[in-house]
Amino acid sequence: MTKQKNTLQRCAWVTSNPLNIHYHDEEWGIPVYDDQRLFEFLLLEGAQAGLSWLTILKKRENYRLCFDGFNPCKIARYNQCKIESLLSNAGIIRNKLKIAAAIENAKAYLKIKEAQGHFKDYIWQFVEGKPIQNHWESHQQVPVKTVISDKMSKDLKSRGFKFIGSTICYAYMQAVGMVNDHTTGCFCYYSR
């Protein structure tokens, strides 16, 4: 990483960890329209519940390996043997409920794709197909949930998704660029 990149002003939540810096600079808040990546973020946000995002970033590659590249067709078919294997893998969050939720979420995701053709069409409808541009001056102003994330959570739950509360939905919206919550002083604010 260049010295110039290290001196850039970033959102207050960004730590000096290179994984965190890369994620903030290269991913967070950039609109994602690829179904596979949208699914990946959905599962990772559920795994993150109650933990720091940096914990998930450190385990992300292990998640990709253990969860078959986030292939929803494979995950939806996981059996008890695979679940036991995941529960014994220190490279991921070994929480029985979160692993079960990932499997149920894969099944629910596939039902949406079957009905609508693309998951992106379903998920982006909550923001009318385009990112919401917020104008927060400080990290303290950024909400943890909104009316839109409440609506998204309720709809996803009605479709069988688990570990998908409003706060998780809002974090998901931030991650996949449905909202731009970079603070106005952050160098990424104008590039999103």
Protein backbone atom coordinates (compact mmCIF):
# COMPACT_ATOMS: atom_id res chain seq x y z
CA MET A 1 0.00 0.00 0.00
CA THR A 2 1.39 3.37 -0.93
CA LYS A 3 2.13 6.08 1.59
CA GLN A 4 -0.44 8.31 -0.17
CA LYS A 5 -3.19 5.73 0.37
CA ASN A 6 -2.30 5.46 4.07
CA THR A 7 -2.72 9.22 4.58
CA LEU A 8 -6.17 9.45 3.00
CA GLN A 9 -9.06 10.43 5.27
CA ARG A 10 -11.42 7.52 5.80
CA CYS A 11 -14.61 6.81 7.71
CA ALA A 12 -14.04 6.74 11.49
CA TRP A 13 -14.84 3.01 11.80
CA VAL A 14 -11.82 1.99 9.69
CA THR A 15 -8.98 0.55 11.73
CA SER A 16 -5.35 0.40 10.64
CA ASN A 17 -5.69 -3.31 9.79
CA PRO A 18 -4.85 -3.79 6.07
CA LEU A 19 -7.90 -6.04 5.57
CA ASN A 20 -10.15 -3.34 6.98
CA ILE A 21 -8.53 -0.60 4.89
CA HIS A 22 -8.79 -2.65 1.69
CA TYR A 23 -12.41 -3.54 2.39
CA HIS A 24 -13.35 0.10 3.05
CA ASP A 25 -11.44 1.46 0.06
CA GLU A 26 -12.25 -1.22 -2.52
CA GLU A 27 -15.60 -2.79 -1.56
CA TRP A 28 -17.74 -1.10 1.08
CA GLY A 29 -20.44 0.99 -0.49
CA ILE A 30 -19.71 0.06 -4.10
CA PRO A 31 -22.97 -1.10 -5.72
CA VAL A 32 -23.10 -4.85 -6.25
CA TYR A 33 -25.47 -6.26 -8.88
CA ASP A 34 -23.96 -9.73 -9.22
CA ASP A 35 -26.26 -12.36 -7.69
CA GLN A 36 -23.39 -14.52 -6.45
CA ARG A 37 -21.69 -11.64 -4.61
CA LEU A 38 -25.01 -10.43 -3.21
CA PHE A 39 -25.55 -13.92 -1.79
CA GLU A 40 -22.02 -14.03 -0.36
CA PHE A 41 -22.53 -10.75 1.49
CA LEU A 42 -25.90 -11.93 2.77
CA LEU A 43 -24.34 -15.00 4.37
CA LEU A 44 -21.34 -13.09 5.72
CA GLU A 45 -23.53 -10.40 7.29
CA GLY A 46 -25.54 -13.13 9.03
CA ALA A 47 -22.33 -14.74 10.29
CA GLN A 48 -21.16 -11.36 11.59
CA ALA A 49 -24.15 -10.84 13.90
CA GLY A 50 -22.80 -9.90 17.33
CA LEU A 51 -19.19 -9.84 16.13
CA SER A 52 -16.89 -7.31 14.49
CA TRP A 53 -16.75 -7.15 10.72
CA LEU A 54 -12.96 -7.49 10.95
CA THR A 55 -13.49 -10.95 12.46
CA ILE A 56 -15.44 -11.91 9.33
CA LEU A 57 -12.87 -10.34 6.99
CA LYS A 58 -10.15 -12.45 8.64
CA LYS A 59 -12.24 -15.60 8.08
CA ARG A 60 -13.66 -14.67 4.66
CA GLU A 61 -11.34 -16.88 2.60
CA ASN A 62 -12.08 -19.83 4.88
CA TYR A 63 -15.79 -19.16 4.40
CA ARG A 64 -15.32 -19.24 0.63
CA LEU A 65 -13.56 -22.60 0.88
CA CYS A 66 -15.87 -24.20 3.46
CA PHE A 67 -19.07 -22.92 1.85
CA ASP A 68 -18.20 -24.06 -1.67
CA GLY A 69 -17.50 -20.60 -3.04
CA PHE A 70 -20.89 -19.47 -1.69
CA ASN A 71 -22.65 -21.64 -4.22
CA PRO A 72 -26.28 -21.52 -3.03
CA CYS A 73 -27.22 -24.75 -4.84
CA LYS A 74 -24.56 -26.68 -2.93
CA ILE A 75 -25.22 -24.97 0.40
CA ALA A 76 -28.96 -25.68 0.17
CA ARG A 77 -28.11 -29.42 0.02
CA TYR A 78 -25.78 -29.56 3.03
CA ASN A 79 -26.44 -32.59 5.19
CA GLN A 80 -25.65 -33.38 8.82
CA CYS A 81 -22.19 -34.66 7.93
CA LYS A 82 -21.33 -31.34 6.26
CA ILE A 83 -22.81 -29.41 9.19
CA GLU A 84 -20.62 -31.37 11.63
CA SER A 85 -17.60 -30.63 9.45
CA LEU A 86 -18.40 -26.91 9.52
CA LEU A 87 -18.93 -26.93 13.28
CA SER A 88 -15.45 -28.37 13.77
CA ASN A 89 -13.75 -25.85 11.45
CA ALA A 90 -11.96 -23.09 13.40
CA GLY A 91 -11.62 -21.09 10.18
CA ILE A 92 -15.26 -19.95 10.37
CA ILE A 93 -17.71 -18.87 13.07
CA ARG A 94 -18.72 -22.21 14.60
CA ASN A 95 -22.23 -21.31 15.62
CA LYS A 96 -24.83 -24.00 15.00
CA LEU A 97 -27.66 -21.48 14.50
CA LYS A 98 -25.65 -19.37 12.04
CA ILE A 99 -24.65 -22.41 10.01
CA ALA A 100 -28.26 -23.64 9.93
CA ALA A 101 -29.32 -20.13 8.88
CA ALA A 102 -26.84 -20.16 5.99
CA ILE A 103 -28.44 -23.36 4.69
CA GLU A 104 -31.98 -22.02 5.07
CA ASN A 105 -30.94 -18.73 3.48
CA ALA A 106 -29.53 -20.58 0.49
CA LYS A 107 -32.86 -22.36 0.03
CA ALA A 108 -34.82 -19.10 0.36
CA TYR A 109 -32.43 -17.32 -2.00
CA LEU A 110 -32.93 -20.01 -4.65
CA LYS A 111 -36.72 -19.66 -4.35
CA ILE A 112 -36.44 -15.91 -5.00
CA LYS A 113 -34.18 -16.52 -8.01
CA GLU A 114 -36.62 -19.10 -9.36
CA ALA A 115 -39.54 -16.70 -9.00
CA GLN A 116 -37.83 -13.52 -10.16
CA GLY A 117 -34.96 -14.65 -12.38
CA HIS A 118 -32.34 -12.63 -10.52
CA PHE A 119 -31.83 -11.98 -6.83
CA LYS A 120 -30.52 -8.50 -7.68
CA ASP A 121 -33.94 -7.51 -9.07
CA TYR A 122 -35.57 -8.56 -5.82
CA ILE A 123 -33.07 -6.99 -3.39
CA TRP A 124 -32.50 -3.72 -5.23
CA GLN A 125 -36.26 -3.04 -5.40
CA PHE A 126 -36.05 -1.90 -1.77
CA VAL A 127 -34.11 1.20 -2.93
CA GLU A 128 -35.91 1.51 -6.26
CA GLY A 129 -32.91 0.15 -8.15
CA LYS A 130 -30.40 2.86 -7.28
CA PRO A 131 -28.16 3.67 -4.30
CA ILE A 132 -29.34 6.08 -1.64
CA GLN A 133 -26.80 8.90 -1.29
CA ASN A 134 -26.54 9.92 2.35
CA HIS A 135 -24.65 12.97 3.61
CA TRP A 136 -23.40 12.10 7.07
CA GLU A 137 -20.73 14.37 8.52
CA SER A 138 -19.78 12.00 11.35
CA HIS A 139 -19.94 8.30 12.06
CA GLN A 140 -22.31 8.99 14.98
CA GLN A 141 -24.97 10.20 12.53
CA VAL A 142 -25.04 6.94 10.57
CA PRO A 143 -28.09 4.87 11.55
CA VAL A 144 -27.90 1.16 12.39
CA LYS A 145 -31.28 0.54 10.76
CA THR A 146 -33.90 2.43 8.78
CA VAL A 147 -37.50 2.08 7.64
CA ILE A 148 -36.17 0.46 4.45
CA SER A 149 -34.03 -2.08 6.32
CA ASP A 150 -37.06 -2.83 8.54
CA LYS A 151 -39.13 -3.53 5.42
CA MET A 152 -36.36 -5.63 3.85
CA SER A 153 -35.91 -7.68 7.03
CA LYS A 154 -39.64 -8.33 7.34
CA ASP A 155 -39.91 -9.42 3.72
CA LEU A 156 -36.83 -11.66 3.86
CA LYS A 157 -38.09 -13.30 7.06
CA SER A 158 -41.46 -13.95 5.43
CA ARG A 159 -39.56 -15.80 2.69
CA GLY A 160 -37.75 -18.05 5.16
CA PHE A 161 -34.47 -16.18 5.75
CA LYS A 162 -32.83 -16.40 9.18
CA PHE A 163 -30.35 -14.11 11.01
CA ILE A 164 -31.71 -11.24 8.94
CA GLY A 165 -32.88 -8.57 11.36
CA SER A 166 -33.12 -4.92 10.41
CA THR A 167 -29.61 -4.07 11.67
CA ILE A 168 -28.10 -6.91 9.62
CA CYS A 169 -30.11 -5.74 6.60
CA TYR A 170 -28.82 -2.20 6.97
CA ALA A 171 -25.21 -3.40 7.27
CA TYR A 172 -25.88 -5.47 4.13
CA MET A 173 -27.25 -2.42 2.33
CA GLN A 174 -24.09 -0.50 3.24
CA ALA A 175 -21.80 -3.34 2.17
CA VAL A 176 -23.38 -3.85 -1.26
CA GLY A 177 -23.75 -0.14 -2.00
CA MET A 178 -27.51 0.16 -1.70
CA VAL A 179 -26.69 3.14 0.51
CA ASN A 180 -23.60 5.31 0.49
CA ASP A 181 -22.79 5.84 4.14
CA HIS A 182 -19.23 7.07 3.69
CA THR A 183 -19.01 10.24 5.74
CA THR A 184 -18.58 13.47 3.80
CA GLY A 185 -14.93 13.82 4.86
CA CYS A 186 -14.00 10.34 3.60
CA PHE A 187 -12.16 10.19 0.30
CA CYS A 188 -14.61 7.48 -0.86
CA TYR A 189 -17.66 9.67 -0.31
CA TYR A 190 -17.46 11.30 -3.75
CA SER A 191 -16.35 8.20 -5.62
CA ARG A 192 -19.41 6.10 -4.79
